[in-house]
Amino acid sequence: TDNMSLQQFHDTLAELSRLVDTAGGDVLQTVQQ
């Protein structure tokens, strides 16, 4: 969204990927908008 910087957005997605991995899931792809 407009209130996020590009770096914040990428950090958020990287952290979510780590969370999914920690929960035992396999991240196959990321879709962004």
PDB file of all heavy atoms in Angstrom:
ATOM      1  N   THR A   1       0.835  -1.195   0.000  1.00  0.00           N
ATOM      2  CA  THR A   1       0.000   0.000   0.000  1.00  0.00           C
ATOM      3  C   THR A   1       0.875   1.252   0.000  1.00  0.00           C
ATOM      4  O   THR A   1       2.097   1.171   0.148  1.00  0.00           O
ATOM      5  CB  THR A   1      -0.928   0.006   1.229  1.00  0.00           C
ATOM      6  OG1 THR A   1      -0.152  -0.199   2.412  1.00  0.00           O
ATOM      7  CG2 THR A   1      -1.959  -1.102   1.125  1.00  0.00           C
ATOM      8  N   ASP A   2       0.227   2.412  -0.146  1.00  0.00           N
ATOM      9  CA  ASP A   2       0.977   3.665  -0.289  1.00  0.00           C
ATOM     10  C   ASP A   2       1.782   4.037   0.949  1.00  0.00           C
ATOM     11  O   ASP A   2       2.740   4.805   0.863  1.00  0.00           O
ATOM     12  CB  ASP A   2       0.009   4.812  -0.625  1.00  0.00           C
ATOM     13  CG  ASP A   2      -0.578   4.662  -2.026  1.00  0.00           C
ATOM     14  OD1 ASP A   2       0.003   3.903  -2.811  1.00  0.00           O
ATOM     15  OD2 ASP A   2      -1.611   5.302  -2.308  1.00  0.00           O
ATOM     16  N   ASN A   3       1.376   3.521   2.124  1.00  0.00           N
ATOM     17  CA  ASN A   3       2.080   3.895   3.352  1.00  0.00           C
ATOM     18  C   ASN A   3       3.271   2.976   3.648  1.00  0.00           C
ATOM     19  O   ASN A   3       3.841   3.034   4.718  1.00  0.00           O
ATOM     20  CB  ASN A   3       1.115   3.884   4.546  1.00  0.00           C
ATOM     21  CG  ASN A   3       0.506   2.507   4.772  1.00  0.00           C
ATOM     22  OD1 ASN A   3       0.629   1.627   3.924  1.00  0.00           O
ATOM     23  ND2 ASN A   3      -0.139   2.325   5.909  1.00  0.00           N
ATOM     24  N   MET A   4       3.635   2.128   2.698  1.00  0.00           N
ATOM     25  CA  MET A   4       4.767   1.213   2.886  1.00  0.00           C
ATOM     26  C   MET A   4       5.885   1.569   1.905  1.00  0.00           C
ATOM     27  O   MET A   4       5.619   1.914   0.748  1.00  0.00           O
ATOM     28  CB  MET A   4       4.352  -0.246   2.629  1.00  0.00           C
ATOM     29  CG  MET A   4       3.292  -0.796   3.539  1.00  0.00           C
ATOM     30  SD  MET A   4       2.845  -2.502   3.070  1.00  0.00           S
ATOM     31  CE  MET A   4       4.322  -3.386   3.575  1.00  0.00           C
ATOM     32  N   SER A   5       7.114   1.454   2.377  1.00  0.00           N
ATOM     33  CA  SER A   5       8.242   1.579   1.459  1.00  0.00           C
ATOM     34  C   SER A   5       8.481   0.227   0.795  1.00  0.00           C
ATOM     35  O   SER A   5       8.025  -0.813   1.289  1.00  0.00           O
ATOM     36  CB  SER A   5       9.502   2.014   2.206  1.00  0.00           C
ATOM     37  OG  SER A   5       9.954   0.968   3.061  1.00  0.00           O
ATOM     38  N   LEU A   6       9.190   0.245  -0.308  1.00  0.00           N
ATOM     39  CA  LEU A   6       9.489  -1.004  -1.025  1.00  0.00           C
ATOM     40  C   LEU A   6      10.292  -1.949  -0.146  1.00  0.00           C
ATOM     41  O   LEU A   6      10.052  -3.165  -0.131  1.00  0.00           O
ATOM     42  CB  LEU A   6      10.245  -0.690  -2.317  1.00  0.00           C
ATOM     43  CG  LEU A   6      10.501  -1.881  -3.254  1.00  0.00           C
ATOM     44  CD1 LEU A   6       9.181  -2.486  -3.712  1.00  0.00           C
ATOM     45  CD2 LEU A   6      11.344  -1.435  -4.454  1.00  0.00           C
ATOM     46  N   GLN A   7      11.229  -1.390   0.631  1.00  0.00           N
ATOM     47  CA  GLN A   7      12.046  -2.233   1.513  1.00  0.00           C
ATOM     48  C   GLN A   7      11.188  -2.869   2.611  1.00  0.00           C
ATOM     49  O   GLN A   7      11.348  -4.063   2.913  1.00  0.00           O
ATOM     50  CB  GLN A   7      13.169  -1.397   2.139  1.00  0.00           C
ATOM     51  CG  GLN A   7      14.183  -2.211   2.945  1.00  0.00           C
ATOM     52  CD  GLN A   7      14.863  -3.264   2.097  1.00  0.00           C
ATOM     53  OE1 GLN A   7      15.400  -2.971   1.028  1.00  0.00           O
ATOM     54  NE2 GLN A   7      14.843  -4.520   2.551  1.00  0.00           N
ATOM     55  N   GLN A   8      10.277  -2.086   3.191  1.00  0.00           N
ATOM     56  CA  GLN A   8       9.379  -2.644   4.210  1.00  0.00           C
ATOM     57  C   GLN A   8       8.547  -3.787   3.641  1.00  0.00           C
ATOM     58  O   GLN A   8       8.351  -4.823   4.296  1.00  0.00           O
ATOM     59  CB  GLN A   8       8.431  -1.554   4.730  1.00  0.00           C
ATOM     60  CG  GLN A   8       9.049  -0.589   5.715  1.00  0.00           C
ATOM     61  CD  GLN A   8       8.045   0.494   6.107  1.00  0.00           C
ATOM     62  OE1 GLN A   8       7.322   1.039   5.272  1.00  0.00           O
ATOM     63  NE2 GLN A   8       7.986   0.798   7.390  1.00  0.00           N
ATOM     64  N   PHE A   9       8.081  -3.595   2.427  1.00  0.00           N
ATOM     65  CA  PHE A   9       7.246  -4.615   1.779  1.00  0.00           C
ATOM     66  C   PHE A   9       8.035  -5.905   1.578  1.00  0.00           C
ATOM     67  O   PHE A   9       7.564  -6.997   1.896  1.00  0.00           O
ATOM     68  CB  PHE A   9       6.731  -4.072   0.449  1.00  0.00           C
ATOM     69  CG  PHE A   9       5.845  -5.023  -0.302  1.00  0.00           C
ATOM     70  CD1 PHE A   9       4.701  -5.545   0.285  1.00  0.00           C
ATOM     71  CD2 PHE A   9       6.156  -5.386  -1.606  1.00  0.00           C
ATOM     72  CE1 PHE A   9       3.877  -6.419  -0.420  1.00  0.00           C
ATOM     73  CE2 PHE A   9       5.342  -6.255  -2.310  1.00  0.00           C
ATOM     74  CZ  PHE A   9       4.200  -6.766  -1.714  1.00  0.00           C
ATOM     75  N   HIS A  10       9.246  -5.775   1.071  1.00  0.00           N
ATOM     76  CA  HIS A  10      10.074  -6.965   0.841  1.00  0.00           C
ATOM     77  C   HIS A  10      10.439  -7.648   2.162  1.00  0.00           C
ATOM     78  O   HIS A  10      10.463  -8.878   2.248  1.00  0.00           O
ATOM     79  CB  HIS A  10      11.340  -6.581   0.065  1.00  0.00           C
ATOM     80  CG  HIS A  10      11.065  -6.251  -1.373  1.00  0.00           C
ATOM     81  ND1 HIS A  10      11.918  -5.485  -2.141  1.00  0.00           N
ATOM     82  CD2 HIS A  10      10.035  -6.582  -2.184  1.00  0.00           C
ATOM     83  CE1 HIS A  10      11.426  -5.356  -3.357  1.00  0.00           C
ATOM     84  NE2 HIS A  10      10.281  -6.015  -3.408  1.00  0.00           N
ATOM     85  N   ASP A  11      10.715  -6.853   3.187  1.00  0.00           N
ATOM     86  CA  ASP A  11      11.018  -7.432   4.507  1.00  0.00           C
ATOM     87  C   ASP A  11       9.816  -8.197   5.054  1.00  0.00           C
ATOM     88  O   ASP A  11       9.961  -9.281   5.630  1.00  0.00           O
ATOM     89  CB  ASP A  11      11.421  -6.327   5.494  1.00  0.00           C
ATOM     90  CG  ASP A  11      12.779  -5.727   5.177  1.00  0.00           C
ATOM     91  OD1 ASP A  11      13.538  -6.352   4.411  1.00  0.00           O
ATOM     92  OD2 ASP A  11      13.068  -4.633   5.683  1.00  0.00           O
ATOM     93  N   THR A  12       8.619  -7.632   4.853  1.00  0.00           N
ATOM     94  CA  THR A  12       7.392  -8.282   5.332  1.00  0.00           C
ATOM     95  C   THR A  12       7.183  -9.628   4.649  1.00  0.00           C
ATOM     96  O   THR A  12       6.861 -10.630   5.292  1.00  0.00           O
ATOM     97  CB  THR A  12       6.169  -7.381   5.072  1.00  0.00           C
ATOM     98  OG1 THR A  12       6.331  -6.167   5.804  1.00  0.00           O
ATOM     99  CG2 THR A  12       4.878  -8.053   5.517  1.00  0.00           C
ATOM    100  N   LEU A  13       7.395  -9.665   3.335  1.00  0.00           N
ATOM    101  CA  LEU A  13       7.213 -10.909   2.593  1.00  0.00           C
ATOM    102  C   LEU A  13       8.274 -11.938   2.974  1.00  0.00           C
ATOM    103  O   LEU A  13       7.975 -13.136   3.093  1.00  0.00           O
ATOM    104  CB  LEU A  13       7.262 -10.645   1.083  1.00  0.00           C
ATOM    105  CG  LEU A  13       6.075  -9.881   0.491  1.00  0.00           C
ATOM    106  CD1 LEU A  13       6.233  -9.730  -1.019  1.00  0.00           C
ATOM    107  CD2 LEU A  13       4.771 -10.586   0.808  1.00  0.00           C
ATOM    108  N   ALA A  14       9.510 -11.472   3.164  1.00  0.00           N
ATOM    109  CA  ALA A  14      10.575 -12.402   3.569  1.00  0.00           C
ATOM    110  C   ALA A  14      10.270 -12.997   4.941  1.00  0.00           C
ATOM    111  O   ALA A  14      10.476 -14.196   5.177  1.00  0.00           O
ATOM    112  CB  ALA A  14      11.925 -11.676   3.580  1.00  0.00           C
ATOM    113  N   GLU A  15       9.763 -12.172   5.855  1.00  0.00           N
ATOM    114  CA  GLU A  15       9.423 -12.657   7.192  1.00  0.00           C
ATOM    115  C   GLU A  15       8.253 -13.640   7.130  1.00  0.00           C
ATOM    116  O   GLU A  15       8.258 -14.666   7.822  1.00  0.00           O
ATOM    117  CB  GLU A  15       9.062 -11.474   8.090  1.00  0.00           C
ATOM    118  CG  GLU A  15       8.756 -11.875   9.520  1.00  0.00           C
ATOM    119  CD  GLU A  15       8.553 -10.661  10.403  1.00  0.00           C
ATOM    120  OE1 GLU A  15       7.423 -10.143  10.462  1.00  0.00           O
ATOM    121  OE2 GLU A  15       9.537 -10.216  11.019  1.00  0.00           O
ATOM    122  N   LEU A  16       7.249 -13.342   6.291  1.00  0.00           N
ATOM    123  CA  LEU A  16       6.119 -14.257   6.159  1.00  0.00           C
ATOM    124  C   LEU A  16       6.574 -15.600   5.592  1.00  0.00           C
ATOM    125  O   LEU A  16       6.091 -16.663   6.015  1.00  0.00           O
ATOM    126  CB  LEU A  16       5.053 -13.630   5.251  1.00  0.00           C
ATOM    127  CG  LEU A  16       3.766 -14.437   5.083  1.00  0.00           C
ATOM    128  CD1 LEU A  16       3.114 -14.723   6.429  1.00  0.00           C
ATOM    129  CD2 LEU A  16       2.796 -13.714   4.169  1.00  0.00           C
ATOM    130  N   SER A  17       7.502 -15.556   4.664  1.00  0.00           N
ATOM    131  CA  SER A  17       8.040 -16.807   4.115  1.00  0.00           C
ATOM    132  C   SER A  17       8.738 -17.620   5.206  1.00  0.00           C
ATOM    133  O   SER A  17       8.595 -18.849   5.276  1.00  0.00           O
ATOM    134  CB  SER A  17       9.014 -16.488   2.973  1.00  0.00           C
ATOM    135  OG  SER A  17       9.495 -17.669   2.387  1.00  0.00           O
ATOM    136  N   ARG A  18       9.480 -16.938   6.086  1.00  0.00           N
ATOM    137  CA  ARG A  18      10.117 -17.621   7.220  1.00  0.00           C
ATOM    138  C   ARG A  18       9.076 -18.202   8.176  1.00  0.00           C
ATOM    139  O   ARG A  18       9.238 -19.313   8.703  1.00  0.00           O
ATOM    140  CB  ARG A  18      11.005 -16.647   8.000  1.00  0.00           C
ATOM    141  CG  ARG A  18      12.329 -16.292   7.349  1.00  0.00           C
ATOM    142  CD  ARG A  18      13.311 -17.464   7.304  1.00  0.00           C
ATOM    143  NE  ARG A  18      13.524 -18.103   8.594  1.00  0.00           N
ATOM    144  CZ  ARG A  18      14.382 -17.683   9.521  1.00  0.00           C
ATOM    145  NH1 ARG A  18      15.102 -16.601   9.309  1.00  0.00           N
ATOM    146  NH2 ARG A  18      14.526 -18.350  10.647  1.00  0.00           N
ATOM    147  N   LEU A  19       8.001 -17.452   8.406  1.00  0.00           N
ATOM    148  CA  LEU A  19       6.935 -17.939   9.276  1.00  0.00           C
ATOM    149  C   LEU A  19       6.305 -19.211   8.706  1.00  0.00           C
ATOM    150  O   LEU A  19       6.074 -20.179   9.430  1.00  0.00           O
ATOM    151  CB  LEU A  19       5.866 -16.865   9.456  1.00  0.00           C
ATOM    152  CG  LEU A  19       6.212 -15.685  10.371  1.00  0.00           C
ATOM    153  CD1 LEU A  19       5.189 -14.571  10.214  1.00  0.00           C
ATOM    154  CD2 LEU A  19       6.286 -16.132  11.829  1.00  0.00           C
ATOM    155  N   VAL A  20       6.019 -19.192   7.417  1.00  0.00           N
ATOM    156  CA  VAL A  20       5.420 -20.372   6.772  1.00  0.00           C
ATOM    157  C   VAL A  20       6.369 -21.558   6.859  1.00  0.00           C
ATOM    158  O   VAL A  20       5.954 -22.688   7.155  1.00  0.00           O
ATOM    159  CB  VAL A  20       5.063 -20.057   5.303  1.00  0.00           C
ATOM    160  CG1 VAL A  20       4.677 -21.323   4.551  1.00  0.00           C
ATOM    161  CG2 VAL A  20       3.933 -19.045   5.237  1.00  0.00           C
ATOM    162  N   ASP A  21       7.648 -21.298   6.619  1.00  0.00           N
ATOM    163  CA  ASP A  21       8.646 -22.362   6.711  1.00  0.00           C
ATOM    164  C   ASP A  21       8.718 -22.916   8.135  1.00  0.00           C
ATOM    165  O   ASP A  21       8.774 -24.135   8.344  1.00  0.00           O
ATOM    166  CB  ASP A  21      10.013 -21.812   6.286  1.00  0.00           C
ATOM    167  CG  ASP A  21      11.104 -22.864   6.351  1.00  0.00           C
ATOM    168  OD1 ASP A  21      11.036 -23.832   5.585  1.00  0.00           O
ATOM    169  OD2 ASP A  21      12.025 -22.721   7.197  1.00  0.00           O
ATOM    170  N   THR A  22       8.692 -22.038   9.129  1.00  0.00           N
ATOM    171  CA  THR A  22       8.717 -22.467  10.528  1.00  0.00           C
ATOM    172  C   THR A  22       7.482 -23.291  10.871  1.00  0.00           C
ATOM    173  O   THR A  22       7.551 -24.254  11.634  1.00  0.00           O
ATOM    174  CB  THR A  22       8.806 -21.243  11.459  1.00  0.00           C
ATOM    175  OG1 THR A  22       9.987 -20.504  11.137  1.00  0.00           O
ATOM    176  CG2 THR A  22       8.853 -21.658  12.919  1.00  0.00           C
ATOM    177  N   ALA A  23       6.334 -22.925  10.278  1.00  0.00           N
ATOM    178  CA  ALA A  23       5.089 -23.650  10.540  1.00  0.00           C
ATOM    179  C   ALA A  23       5.048 -24.996   9.837  1.00  0.00           C
ATOM    180  O   ALA A  23       4.143 -25.800  10.096  1.00  0.00           O
ATOM    181  CB  ALA A  23       3.894 -22.804  10.108  1.00  0.00           C
ATOM    182  N   GLY A  24       6.019 -25.247   8.945  1.00  0.00           N
ATOM    183  CA  GLY A  24       6.074 -26.543   8.266  1.00  0.00           C
ATOM    184  C   GLY A  24       5.533 -26.529   6.861  1.00  0.00           C
ATOM    185  O   GLY A  24       5.270 -27.593   6.289  1.00  0.00           O
ATOM    186  N   GLY A  25       5.370 -25.350   6.257  1.00  0.00           N
ATOM    187  CA  GLY A  25       4.871 -25.274   4.886  1.00  0.00           C
ATOM    188  C   GLY A  25       5.992 -25.041   3.892  1.00  0.00           C
ATOM    189  O   GLY A  25       7.085 -24.608   4.248  1.00  0.00           O
ATOM    190  N   ASP A  26       5.719 -25.356   2.632  1.00  0.00           N
ATOM    191  CA  ASP A  26       6.666 -25.110   1.541  1.00  0.00           C
ATOM    192  C   ASP A  26       6.123 -23.981   0.677  1.00  0.00           C
ATOM    193  O   ASP A  26       5.051 -24.108   0.073  1.00  0.00           O
ATOM    194  CB  ASP A  26       6.844 -26.364   0.673  1.00  0.00           C
ATOM    195  CG  ASP A  26       7.493 -27.500   1.439  1.00  0.00           C
ATOM    196  OD1 ASP A  26       8.475 -27.233   2.145  1.00  0.00           O
ATOM    197  OD2 ASP A  26       7.022 -28.651   1.330  1.00  0.00           O
ATOM    198  N   VAL A  27       6.835 -22.863   0.637  1.00  0.00           N
ATOM    199  CA  VAL A  27       6.413 -21.723  -0.174  1.00  0.00           C
ATOM    200  C   VAL A  27       6.805 -21.989  -1.630  1.00  0.00           C
ATOM    201  O   VAL A  27       7.985 -22.098  -1.952  1.00  0.00           O
ATOM    202  CB  VAL A  27       7.057 -20.411   0.318  1.00  0.00           C
ATOM    203  CG1 VAL A  27       6.642 -19.251  -0.581  1.00  0.00           C
ATOM    204  CG2 VAL A  27       6.666 -20.137   1.762  1.00  0.00           C
ATOM    205  N   LEU A  28       5.803 -22.096  -2.506  1.00  0.00           N
ATOM    206  CA  LEU A  28       6.069 -22.386  -3.914  1.00  0.00           C
ATOM    207  C   LEU A  28       6.208 -21.117  -4.744  1.00  0.00           C
ATOM    208  O   LEU A  28       6.948 -21.092  -5.715  1.00  0.00           O
ATOM    209  CB  LEU A  28       4.941 -23.250  -4.495  1.00  0.00           C
ATOM    210  CG  LEU A  28       4.689 -24.593  -3.798  1.00  0.00           C
ATOM    211  CD1 LEU A  28       3.670 -25.402  -4.582  1.00  0.00           C
ATOM    212  CD2 LEU A  28       5.983 -25.390  -3.651  1.00  0.00           C
ATOM    213  N   GLN A  29       5.488 -20.073  -4.366  1.00  0.00           N
ATOM    214  CA  GLN A  29       5.547 -18.838  -5.155  1.00  0.00           C
ATOM    215  C   GLN A  29       4.937 -17.699  -4.347  1.00  0.00           C
ATOM    216  O   GLN A  29       4.178 -17.932  -3.407  1.00  0.00           O
ATOM    217  CB  GLN A  29       4.786 -19.019  -6.481  1.00  0.00           C
ATOM    218  CG  GLN A  29       5.069 -17.926  -7.510  1.00  0.00           C
ATOM    219  CD  GLN A  29       4.558 -18.311  -8.895  1.00  0.00           C
ATOM    220  OE1 GLN A  29       4.802 -19.417  -9.367  1.00  0.00           O
ATOM    221  NE2 GLN A  29       3.844 -17.418  -9.541  1.00  0.00           N
ATOM    222  N   THR A  30       5.278 -16.481  -4.732  1.00  0.00           N
ATOM    223  CA  THR A  30       4.702 -15.283  -4.114  1.00  0.00           C
ATOM    224  C   THR A  30       4.056 -14.427  -5.185  1.00  0.00           C
ATOM    225  O   THR A  30       4.663 -14.178  -6.229  1.00  0.00           O
ATOM    226  CB  THR A  30       5.784 -14.468  -3.383  1.00  0.00           C
ATOM    227  OG1 THR A  30       6.363 -15.271  -2.346  1.00  0.00           O
ATOM    228  CG2 THR A  30       5.189 -13.228  -2.749  1.00  0.00           C
ATOM    229  N   VAL A  31       2.820 -14.008  -4.932  1.00  0.00           N
ATOM    230  CA  VAL A  31       2.106 -13.103  -5.834  1.00  0.00           C
ATOM    231  C   VAL A  31       2.000 -11.746  -5.145  1.00  0.00           C
ATOM    232  O   VAL A  31       1.651 -11.675  -3.966  1.00  0.00           O
ATOM    233  CB  VAL A  31       0.698 -13.640  -6.168  1.00  0.00           C
ATOM    234  CG1 VAL A  31      -0.080 -12.639  -7.002  1.00  0.00           C
ATOM    235  CG2 VAL A  31       0.803 -14.969  -6.902  1.00  0.00           C
ATOM    236  N   GLN A  32       2.310 -10.671  -5.872  1.00  0.00           N
ATOM    237  CA  GLN A  32       2.334  -9.338  -5.277  1.00  0.00           C
ATOM    238  C   GLN A  32       1.390  -8.407  -6.026  1.00  0.00           C
ATOM    239  O   GLN A  32       1.161  -8.573  -7.219  1.00  0.00           O
ATOM    240  CB  GLN A  32       3.748  -8.751  -5.324  1.00  0.00           C
ATOM    241  CG  GLN A  32       4.794  -9.610  -4.647  1.00  0.00           C
ATOM    242  CD  GLN A  32       6.187  -9.036  -4.804  1.00  0.00           C
ATOM    243  OE1 GLN A  32       6.367  -7.885  -5.198  1.00  0.00           O
ATOM    244  NE2 GLN A  32       7.193  -9.841  -4.505  1.00  0.00           N
ATOM    245  N   GLN A  33       0.863  -7.427  -5.304  1.00  0.00           N
ATOM    246  CA  GLN A  33       0.071  -6.372  -5.935  1.00  0.00           C
ATOM    247  C   GLN A  33       0.284  -5.064  -5.183  1.00  0.00           C
ATOM    248  O   GLN A  33       0.365  -5.063  -3.950  1.00  0.00           O
ATOM    249  CB  GLN A  33      -1.422  -6.715  -5.947  1.00  0.00           C
ATOM    250  CG  GLN A  33      -2.249  -5.672  -6.704  1.00  0.00           C
ATOM    251  CD  GLN A  33      -3.708  -6.029  -6.833  1.00  0.00           C
ATOM    252  OE1 GLN A  33      -4.321  -6.520  -5.894  1.00  0.00           O
ATOM    253  NE2 GLN A  33      -4.287  -5.785  -7.995  1.00  0.00           N
TER     254      GLN A  33
END
